[in-house]
Amino acid sequence: MTQLVDYNFGPSARLRLDEAAKPDHDGALAALESFYYALNHKDLDSLAAVWSQDELAQLNNPVGGILRSGKAVTDLYRRIFAGHLDLQVTFTDAATYRWADGAVFAGRELGTYRNRDGDVVPLTIRTSRVFRYEPDPGRWLQIHHHGSIDQPAELAAYQAAVQPPPA
């Protein structure tokens, strides 16, 4: 099934890890919403709980490049959460593709972050998130993410904000 949905999962997203155990599409949505809860609340444990620990779980984005493994993904978010960014994003305008044990949510993340000067900067990311139902541990987990920033100046500013300060 394919549909267009404005999920609006952002700072008000709920943590629904228990519901992510449902093997149906509602479980996939619970995992997606839980991811955005974790991202917006800097909740590393919850974020790790919705990412597959498979060695080939993959994140492709402007900050981390291509990372493989649940551990590498968690380490990237640990660094982001520990910094000054105060990242807030809302997932919206999503084409949803689903089948029995998988779902792809492809849409937009709209939000803000705080740069090193303390300024609040707008952020727009094209994003796709792929989830699959994994019988062990018995819940939906994110197996792939791809995010892109279209505007070169916006991309450069975001990358500079995320990098550790020069020594």
C-alpha atoms as a PDB file:
ATOM      1  CA  MET A   1       0.000   0.000   0.000  1.00  0.00           C
ATOM      2  CA  THR A   2       1.185   3.520  -0.787  1.00  0.00           C
ATOM      3  CA  GLN A   3      -0.165   6.783   0.614  1.00  0.00           C
ATOM      4  CA  LEU A   4       0.763  10.407   1.251  1.00  0.00           C
ATOM      5  CA  VAL A   5       0.584  11.387   4.931  1.00  0.00           C
ATOM      6  CA  ASP A   6       1.534  14.496   6.894  1.00  0.00           C
ATOM      7  CA  TYR A   7       2.670  12.747  10.079  1.00  0.00           C
ATOM      8  CA  ASN A   8       3.805  15.913  11.830  1.00  0.00           C
ATOM      9  CA  PHE A   9       6.113  13.946  14.164  1.00  0.00           C
ATOM     10  CA  GLY A  10       8.284  16.551  15.876  1.00  0.00           C
ATOM     11  CA  PRO A  11       8.920  17.937  19.360  1.00  0.00           C
ATOM     12  CA  SER A  12       5.458  16.772  20.470  1.00  0.00           C
ATOM     13  CA  ALA A  13       6.030  13.200  19.204  1.00  0.00           C
ATOM     14  CA  ARG A  14       5.330  10.473  21.738  1.00  0.00           C
ATOM     15  CA  LEU A  15       7.578   7.661  22.926  1.00  0.00           C
ATOM     16  CA  ARG A  16       5.730   4.514  21.802  1.00  0.00           C
ATOM     17  CA  LEU A  17       8.340   1.756  22.100  1.00  0.00           C
ATOM     18  CA  ASP A  18       5.867  -0.801  23.492  1.00  0.00           C
ATOM     19  CA  GLU A  19       3.562  -0.247  20.508  1.00  0.00           C
ATOM     20  CA  ALA A  20       6.506  -0.745  18.111  1.00  0.00           C
ATOM     21  CA  ALA A  21       6.246  -4.438  19.007  1.00  0.00           C
ATOM     22  CA  LYS A  22       2.993  -4.754  17.046  1.00  0.00           C
ATOM     23  CA  PRO A  23       3.849  -6.630  13.837  1.00  0.00           C
ATOM     24  CA  ASP A  24       1.375  -4.572  11.780  1.00  0.00           C
ATOM     25  CA  HIS A  25       1.716  -1.118  10.214  1.00  0.00           C
ATOM     26  CA  ASP A  26       0.669   0.555  13.487  1.00  0.00           C
ATOM     27  CA  GLY A  27       3.856  -0.857  14.998  1.00  0.00           C
ATOM     28  CA  ALA A  28       5.951   0.700  12.212  1.00  0.00           C
ATOM     29  CA  LEU A  29       4.304   4.085  12.840  1.00  0.00           C
ATOM     30  CA  ALA A  30       4.961   3.734  16.570  1.00  0.00           C
ATOM     31  CA  ALA A  31       8.652   3.096  15.847  1.00  0.00           C
ATOM     32  CA  LEU A  32       8.816   6.104  13.506  1.00  0.00           C
ATOM     33  CA  GLU A  33       7.143   8.397  16.046  1.00  0.00           C
ATOM     34  CA  SER A  34       9.407   7.055  18.806  1.00  0.00           C
ATOM     35  CA  PHE A  35      12.444   7.913  16.691  1.00  0.00           C
ATOM     36  CA  TYR A  36      11.298  11.548  16.370  1.00  0.00           C
ATOM     37  CA  TYR A  37      10.554  11.666  20.093  1.00  0.00           C
ATOM     38  CA  ALA A  38      14.095  10.456  20.809  1.00  0.00           C
ATOM     39  CA  LEU A  39      15.676  12.847  18.301  1.00  0.00           C
ATOM     40  CA  ASN A  40      13.862  15.929  19.592  1.00  0.00           C
ATOM     41  CA  HIS A  41      14.367  15.048  23.265  1.00  0.00           C
ATOM     42  CA  LYS A  42      18.013  13.929  22.988  1.00  0.00           C
ATOM     43  CA  ASP A  43      17.011  10.505  24.328  1.00  0.00           C
ATOM     44  CA  LEU A  44      19.888   8.295  23.197  1.00  0.00           C
ATOM     45  CA  ASP A  45      18.563   5.101  24.816  1.00  0.00           C
ATOM     46  CA  SER A  46      15.212   5.392  23.028  1.00  0.00           C
ATOM     47  CA  LEU A  47      16.923   6.298  19.769  1.00  0.00           C
ATOM     48  CA  ALA A  48      19.128   3.198  19.997  1.00  0.00           C
ATOM     49  CA  ALA A  49      16.032   1.110  20.781  1.00  0.00           C
ATOM     50  CA  VAL A  50      14.464   1.947  17.400  1.00  0.00           C
ATOM     51  CA  TRP A  51      17.630   1.452  15.327  1.00  0.00           C
ATOM     52  CA  SER A  52      18.585  -2.030  14.156  1.00  0.00           C
ATOM     53  CA  GLN A  53      21.872  -3.248  15.578  1.00  0.00           C
ATOM     54  CA  ASP A  54      22.552  -5.113  12.338  1.00  0.00           C
ATOM     55  CA  GLU A  55      26.098  -4.536  11.063  1.00  0.00           C
ATOM     56  CA  LEU A  56      24.618  -3.359   7.752  1.00  0.00           C
ATOM     57  CA  ALA A  57      22.105  -0.924   9.245  1.00  0.00           C
ATOM     58  CA  GLN A  58      23.002   2.232   7.368  1.00  0.00           C
ATOM     59  CA  LEU A  59      22.727   5.994   7.812  1.00  0.00           C
ATOM     60  CA  ASN A  60      23.552   8.333   4.919  1.00  0.00           C
ATOM     61  CA  ASN A  61      23.360  11.995   5.850  1.00  0.00           C
ATOM     62  CA  PRO A  62      25.213  15.307   5.554  1.00  0.00           C
ATOM     63  CA  VAL A  63      26.735  14.961   9.032  1.00  0.00           C
ATOM     64  CA  GLY A  64      27.813  11.346   9.251  1.00  0.00           C
ATOM     65  CA  GLY A  65      28.395  10.502   5.604  1.00  0.00           C
ATOM     66  CA  ILE A  66      27.767   6.788   5.213  1.00  0.00           C
ATOM     67  CA  LEU A  67      27.750   4.932   8.506  1.00  0.00           C
ATOM     68  CA  ARG A  68      27.104   1.227   8.911  1.00  0.00           C
ATOM     69  CA  SER A  69      26.021  -0.583  12.080  1.00  0.00           C
ATOM     70  CA  GLY A  70      23.635   0.352  14.842  1.00  0.00           C
ATOM     71  CA  LYS A  71      26.624   1.188  17.033  1.00  0.00           C
ATOM     72  CA  ALA A  72      28.033   3.706  14.524  1.00  0.00           C
ATOM     73  CA  VAL A  73      24.610   5.363  14.197  1.00  0.00           C
ATOM     74  CA  THR A  74      24.219   5.584  17.978  1.00  0.00           C
ATOM     75  CA  ASP A  75      27.730   7.036  18.308  1.00  0.00           C
ATOM     76  CA  LEU A  76      26.899   9.783  15.775  1.00  0.00           C
ATOM     77  CA  TYR A  77      23.739  10.769  17.642  1.00  0.00           C
ATOM     78  CA  ARG A  78      25.628  10.669  20.953  1.00  0.00           C
ATOM     79  CA  ARG A  79      27.992  13.307  19.541  1.00  0.00           C
ATOM     80  CA  ILE A  80      25.111  15.406  18.184  1.00  0.00           C
ATOM     81  CA  PHE A  81      23.157  15.230  21.456  1.00  0.00           C
ATOM     82  CA  ALA A  82      26.226  16.203  23.507  1.00  0.00           C
ATOM     83  CA  GLY A  83      26.812  19.363  21.462  1.00  0.00           C
ATOM     84  CA  HIS A  84      25.224  22.788  21.416  1.00  0.00           C
ATOM     85  CA  LEU A  85      22.879  22.146  18.455  1.00  0.00           C
ATOM     86  CA  ASP A  86      19.508  21.922  20.231  1.00  0.00           C
ATOM     87  CA  LEU A  87      18.179  20.274  17.056  1.00  0.00           C
ATOM     88  CA  GLN A  88      14.388  20.292  16.669  1.00  0.00           C
ATOM     89  CA  VAL A  89      12.806  18.713  13.587  1.00  0.00           C
ATOM     90  CA  THR A  90       9.347  17.698  12.438  1.00  0.00           C
ATOM     91  CA  PHE A  91       8.783  14.916   9.908  1.00  0.00           C
ATOM     92  CA  THR A  92       6.105  15.883   7.405  1.00  0.00           C
ATOM     93  CA  ASP A  93       4.820  15.476   3.830  1.00  0.00           C
ATOM     94  CA  ALA A  94       5.667  11.779   3.632  1.00  0.00           C
ATOM     95  CA  ALA A  95       5.019   9.209   0.969  1.00  0.00           C
ATOM     96  CA  THR A  96       4.553   5.940   2.829  1.00  0.00           C
ATOM     97  CA  TYR A  97       5.281   2.586   1.241  1.00  0.00           C
ATOM     98  CA  ARG A  98       4.476  -0.507   3.229  1.00  0.00           C
ATOM     99  CA  TRP A  99       4.388  -4.258   2.957  1.00  0.00           C
ATOM    100  CA  ALA A 100       4.047  -7.066   5.498  1.00  0.00           C
ATOM    101  CA  ASP A 101       7.368  -6.687   7.318  1.00  0.00           C
ATOM    102  CA  GLY A 102       8.706  -3.382   5.960  1.00  0.00           C
ATOM    103  CA  ALA A 103       7.889   0.287   5.576  1.00  0.00           C
ATOM    104  CA  VAL A 104       9.539   3.284   3.924  1.00  0.00           C
ATOM    105  CA  PHE A 105       8.667   6.808   5.036  1.00  0.00           C
ATOM    106  CA  ALA A 106       9.992   9.366   2.539  1.00  0.00           C
ATOM    107  CA  GLY A 107       9.334  13.031   3.218  1.00  0.00           C
ATOM    108  CA  ARG A 108      10.687  16.235   4.687  1.00  0.00           C
ATOM    109  CA  GLU A 109      12.174  17.247   7.996  1.00  0.00           C
ATOM    110  CA  LEU A 110      11.541  20.889   8.826  1.00  0.00           C
ATOM    111  CA  GLY A 111      13.107  22.426  11.861  1.00  0.00           C
ATOM    112  CA  THR A 112      15.822  24.456  13.477  1.00  0.00           C
ATOM    113  CA  TYR A 113      19.182  24.129  15.170  1.00  0.00           C
ATOM    114  CA  ARG A 114      21.394  26.459  17.170  1.00  0.00           C
ATOM    115  CA  ASN A 115      24.746  27.436  15.620  1.00  0.00           C
ATOM    116  CA  ARG A 116      27.950  28.142  17.571  1.00  0.00           C
ATOM    117  CA  ASP A 117      26.981  31.817  17.938  1.00  0.00           C
ATOM    118  CA  GLY A 118      23.695  30.789  19.563  1.00  0.00           C
ATOM    119  CA  ASP A 119      21.588  31.833  16.572  1.00  0.00           C
ATOM    120  CA  VAL A 120      18.552  29.696  15.720  1.00  0.00           C
ATOM    121  CA  VAL A 121      18.900  28.577  12.096  1.00  0.00           C
ATOM    122  CA  PRO A 122      16.167  26.994   9.910  1.00  0.00           C
ATOM    123  CA  LEU A 123      16.763  23.519   8.519  1.00  0.00           C
ATOM    124  CA  THR A 124      15.097  21.589   5.680  1.00  0.00           C
ATOM    125  CA  ILE A 125      16.109  17.984   4.956  1.00  0.00           C
ATOM    126  CA  ARG A 126      14.780  15.520   2.386  1.00  0.00           C
ATOM    127  CA  THR A 127      14.638  12.260   4.261  1.00  0.00           C
ATOM    128  CA  SER A 128      13.819   8.596   3.839  1.00  0.00           C
ATOM    129  CA  ARG A 129      13.583   6.169   6.726  1.00  0.00           C
ATOM    130  CA  VAL A 130      13.282   2.407   6.218  1.00  0.00           C
ATOM    131  CA  PHE A 131      11.902   0.155   8.964  1.00  0.00           C
ATOM    132  CA  ARG A 132      11.523  -3.595   9.111  1.00  0.00           C
ATOM    133  CA  TYR A 133       9.856  -5.859  11.611  1.00  0.00           C
ATOM    134  CA  GLU A 134      12.498  -7.994  13.286  1.00  0.00           C
ATOM    135  CA  PRO A 135      11.189 -11.111  15.052  1.00  0.00           C
ATOM    136  CA  ASP A 136      14.166 -10.927  17.405  1.00  0.00           C
ATOM    137  CA  PRO A 137      13.748  -8.608  19.390  1.00  0.00           C
ATOM    138  CA  GLY A 138      10.094  -8.609  18.247  1.00  0.00           C
ATOM    139  CA  ARG A 139       9.612  -5.009  17.118  1.00  0.00           C
ATOM    140  CA  TRP A 140       9.996  -2.574  14.241  1.00  0.00           C
ATOM    141  CA  LEU A 141      13.503  -1.185  13.837  1.00  0.00           C
ATOM    142  CA  GLN A 142      15.008   1.393  11.548  1.00  0.00           C
ATOM    143  CA  ILE A 143      17.442  -0.261   9.161  1.00  0.00           C
ATOM    144  CA  HIS A 144      18.254   2.672   6.838  1.00  0.00           C
ATOM    145  CA  HIS A 145      18.102   6.464   6.744  1.00  0.00           C
ATOM    146  CA  HIS A 146      19.040   8.874   3.982  1.00  0.00           C
ATOM    147  CA  GLY A 147      18.924  12.629   4.476  1.00  0.00           C
ATOM    148  CA  SER A 148      19.930  15.409   2.079  1.00  0.00           C
ATOM    149  CA  ILE A 149      20.022  19.190   2.266  1.00  0.00           C
ATOM    150  CA  ASP A 150      19.354  20.839  -1.102  1.00  0.00           C
ATOM    151  CA  GLN A 151      20.822  24.317  -0.626  1.00  0.00           C
ATOM    152  CA  PRO A 152      24.660  24.402  -0.597  1.00  0.00           C
ATOM    153  CA  ALA A 153      24.862  27.327   1.865  1.00  0.00           C
ATOM    154  CA  GLU A 154      22.405  25.651   4.249  1.00  0.00           C
ATOM    155  CA  LEU A 155      24.362  22.389   4.004  1.00  0.00           C
ATOM    156  CA  ALA A 156      27.715  24.089   4.710  1.00  0.00           C
ATOM    157  CA  ALA A 157      26.292  26.002   7.696  1.00  0.00           C
ATOM    158  CA  TYR A 158      24.770  22.836   9.200  1.00  0.00           C
ATOM    159  CA  GLN A 159      27.954  20.817   8.716  1.00  0.00           C
ATOM    160  CA  ALA A 160      29.989  23.593  10.371  1.00  0.00           C
ATOM    161  CA  ALA A 161      27.569  23.727  13.309  1.00  0.00           C
ATOM    162  CA  VAL A 162      27.809  19.985  13.916  1.00  0.00           C
ATOM    163  CA  GLN A 163      31.602  19.659  13.718  1.00  0.00           C
ATOM    164  CA  PRO A 164      33.609  19.785  16.933  1.00  0.00           C
ATOM    165  CA  PRO A 165      35.100  23.234  17.564  1.00  0.00           C
ATOM    166  CA  PRO A 166      38.608  23.755  16.166  1.00  0.00           C
ATOM    167  CA  ALA A 167      41.358  22.924  18.634  1.00  0.00           C
END
